Amino acid sequence: MELSLYTKTYNDADVINNFMDLYHSLHMTHLASDLLKKGLSPDQISDAVATALTIAKTSNIETSKHFMPVYSGINEQIIQDCKLSHLGYGLVIMNADKSLPLVGSFQVDVLKEFLNEVH
């Protein structure tokens, strides 16, 4: 994410990119830090976000539509966070530490839904 500084002239491409970033961010209703409340540690979240980004890239998913680095305030501290679309949030959960009950139940639910659509 870029920090915008005041200037008297703006490049049209920058204005369009900033607008598109804002537009996409409106559809990102989750924060990676929300997973702290579900039992994931900061390191587990960071690893899961990195893996989810890799999968999105290799699947030709436009990452800017689903992942946006931001800063959040938690317990009077500012932390690096990530805004996530519904798809991005699902990819993060799916790729988190497999020993967590949240991850296993999520994967089973996704598989059940997939199998229901196939039949």
Protein backbone atom coordinates (compact mmCIF):
# COMPACT_ATOMS: atom_id res chain seq x y z
CA MET A 1 0.00 0.00 0.00
CA GLU A 2 1.35 3.43 -0.86
CA LEU A 3 1.17 6.55 1.23
CA SER A 4 -0.30 9.43 -0.76
CA LEU A 5 1.50 12.72 -0.43
CA TYR A 6 0.00 16.03 -1.46
CA THR A 7 1.14 17.26 -4.83
CA LYS A 8 -0.36 19.81 -7.16
CA THR A 9 -0.48 17.41 -10.09
CA TYR A 10 -1.46 13.77 -10.17
CA ASN A 11 -0.77 11.14 -12.76
CA ASP A 12 -4.08 9.87 -14.20
CA ALA A 13 -2.94 6.26 -13.80
CA ASP A 14 -2.25 6.87 -10.08
CA VAL A 15 -5.69 8.36 -9.58
CA ILE A 16 -7.35 5.39 -11.28
CA ASN A 17 -5.25 2.89 -9.30
CA ASN A 18 -6.07 4.64 -6.03
CA PHE A 19 -9.78 4.59 -6.91
CA MET A 20 -9.63 0.89 -7.77
CA ASP A 21 -7.81 0.14 -4.49
CA LEU A 22 -10.55 1.97 -2.61
CA TYR A 23 -13.27 0.16 -4.56
CA HIS A 24 -11.75 -3.26 -3.90
CA SER A 25 -11.19 -2.45 -0.23
CA LEU A 26 -14.93 -1.88 0.19
CA HIS A 27 -15.44 -5.58 -0.57
CA MET A 28 -12.80 -6.67 1.91
CA THR A 29 -14.87 -7.14 5.04
CA HIS A 30 -12.43 -9.28 7.04
CA LEU A 31 -9.14 -8.59 8.76
CA ALA A 32 -6.44 -11.22 9.17
CA SER A 33 -6.17 -10.11 12.80
CA ASP A 34 -9.78 -11.32 13.33
CA LEU A 35 -8.25 -14.80 13.43
CA LEU A 36 -6.55 -13.94 16.73
CA LYS A 37 -9.99 -14.26 18.32
CA LYS A 38 -10.35 -17.71 16.76
CA GLY A 39 -7.18 -19.05 18.39
CA LEU A 40 -4.49 -18.40 15.77
CA SER A 41 -1.19 -16.84 16.82
CA PRO A 42 0.30 -13.86 14.94
CA ASP A 43 2.93 -16.16 13.39
CA GLN A 44 0.28 -18.67 12.28
CA ILE A 45 -1.72 -15.85 10.69
CA SER A 46 1.34 -14.44 8.89
CA ASP A 47 2.25 -17.87 7.52
CA ALA A 48 -1.34 -18.54 6.41
CA VAL A 49 -1.62 -15.14 4.67
CA ALA A 50 1.69 -15.73 2.86
CA THR A 51 0.54 -19.18 1.70
CA ALA A 52 -2.88 -17.84 0.65
CA LEU A 53 -1.20 -15.11 -1.40
CA THR A 54 1.01 -17.68 -3.12
CA ILE A 55 -2.00 -19.83 -3.96
CA ALA A 56 -3.94 -16.84 -5.26
CA LYS A 57 -1.04 -15.85 -7.51
CA THR A 58 -0.56 -19.36 -8.89
CA SER A 59 -4.32 -19.58 -9.50
CA ASN A 60 -4.25 -16.32 -11.49
CA ILE A 61 -6.43 -14.55 -8.91
CA GLU A 62 -5.90 -10.80 -8.81
CA THR A 63 -4.49 -10.46 -5.31
CA SER A 64 -5.26 -6.73 -5.08
CA LYS A 65 -8.97 -7.62 -5.13
CA HIS A 66 -8.67 -9.94 -2.14
CA PHE A 67 -5.66 -8.90 -0.03
CA MET A 68 -4.72 -5.39 1.11
CA PRO A 69 -1.97 -4.64 3.63
CA VAL A 70 -3.17 -2.26 6.35
CA TYR A 71 -2.28 -1.32 9.91
CA SER A 72 -4.62 -2.05 12.82
CA GLY A 73 -4.66 -1.01 16.43
CA ILE A 74 -4.87 -3.85 18.95
CA ASN A 75 -4.30 -3.47 22.69
CA GLU A 76 -2.82 0.01 22.27
CA GLN A 77 -0.34 -1.29 19.68
CA ILE A 78 -0.22 -0.78 15.94
CA ILE A 79 0.25 -4.03 14.02
CA GLN A 80 0.65 -4.96 10.37
CA ASP A 81 -2.62 -6.48 9.24
CA CYS A 82 -4.34 -7.46 6.03
CA LYS A 83 -7.84 -6.66 4.80
CA LEU A 84 -9.36 -9.70 3.15
CA SER A 85 -12.26 -10.39 0.84
CA HIS A 86 -14.46 -13.38 1.63
CA LEU A 87 -12.36 -15.46 -0.77
CA GLY A 88 -9.11 -14.20 0.75
CA TYR A 89 -10.35 -14.95 4.27
CA GLY A 90 -11.30 -18.48 3.22
CA LEU A 91 -7.90 -19.05 1.62
CA VAL A 92 -6.17 -17.89 4.80
CA ILE A 93 -8.23 -20.20 7.02
CA MET A 94 -7.80 -23.12 4.62
CA ASN A 95 -4.02 -22.68 4.68
CA ALA A 96 -3.52 -22.05 8.38
CA ASP A 97 -1.98 -24.54 10.81
CA LYS A 98 -3.74 -27.86 10.17
CA SER A 99 -3.66 -28.78 13.87
CA LEU A 100 -6.21 -26.06 14.68
CA PRO A 101 -9.85 -27.20 15.00
CA LEU A 102 -11.03 -24.13 13.04
CA VAL A 103 -8.93 -25.14 10.04
CA GLY A 104 -10.00 -28.78 10.03
CA SER A 105 -13.70 -28.02 10.38
CA PHE A 106 -13.46 -25.35 7.66
CA GLN A 107 -11.79 -27.77 5.26
CA VAL A 108 -14.40 -30.45 5.95
CA ASP A 109 -17.23 -27.92 5.41
CA VAL A 110 -15.71 -26.82 2.09
CA LEU A 111 -15.32 -30.43 0.97
CA LYS A 112 -18.91 -31.29 1.95
CA GLU A 113 -20.18 -28.28 -0.01
CA PHE A 114 -18.05 -29.29 -3.00
CA LEU A 115 -19.37 -32.86 -2.89
CA ASN A 116 -22.97 -31.62 -2.68
CA GLU A 117 -22.46 -29.56 -5.84
CA VAL A 118 -20.92 -32.51 -7.71
CA HIS A 119 -23.90 -34.79 -7.06
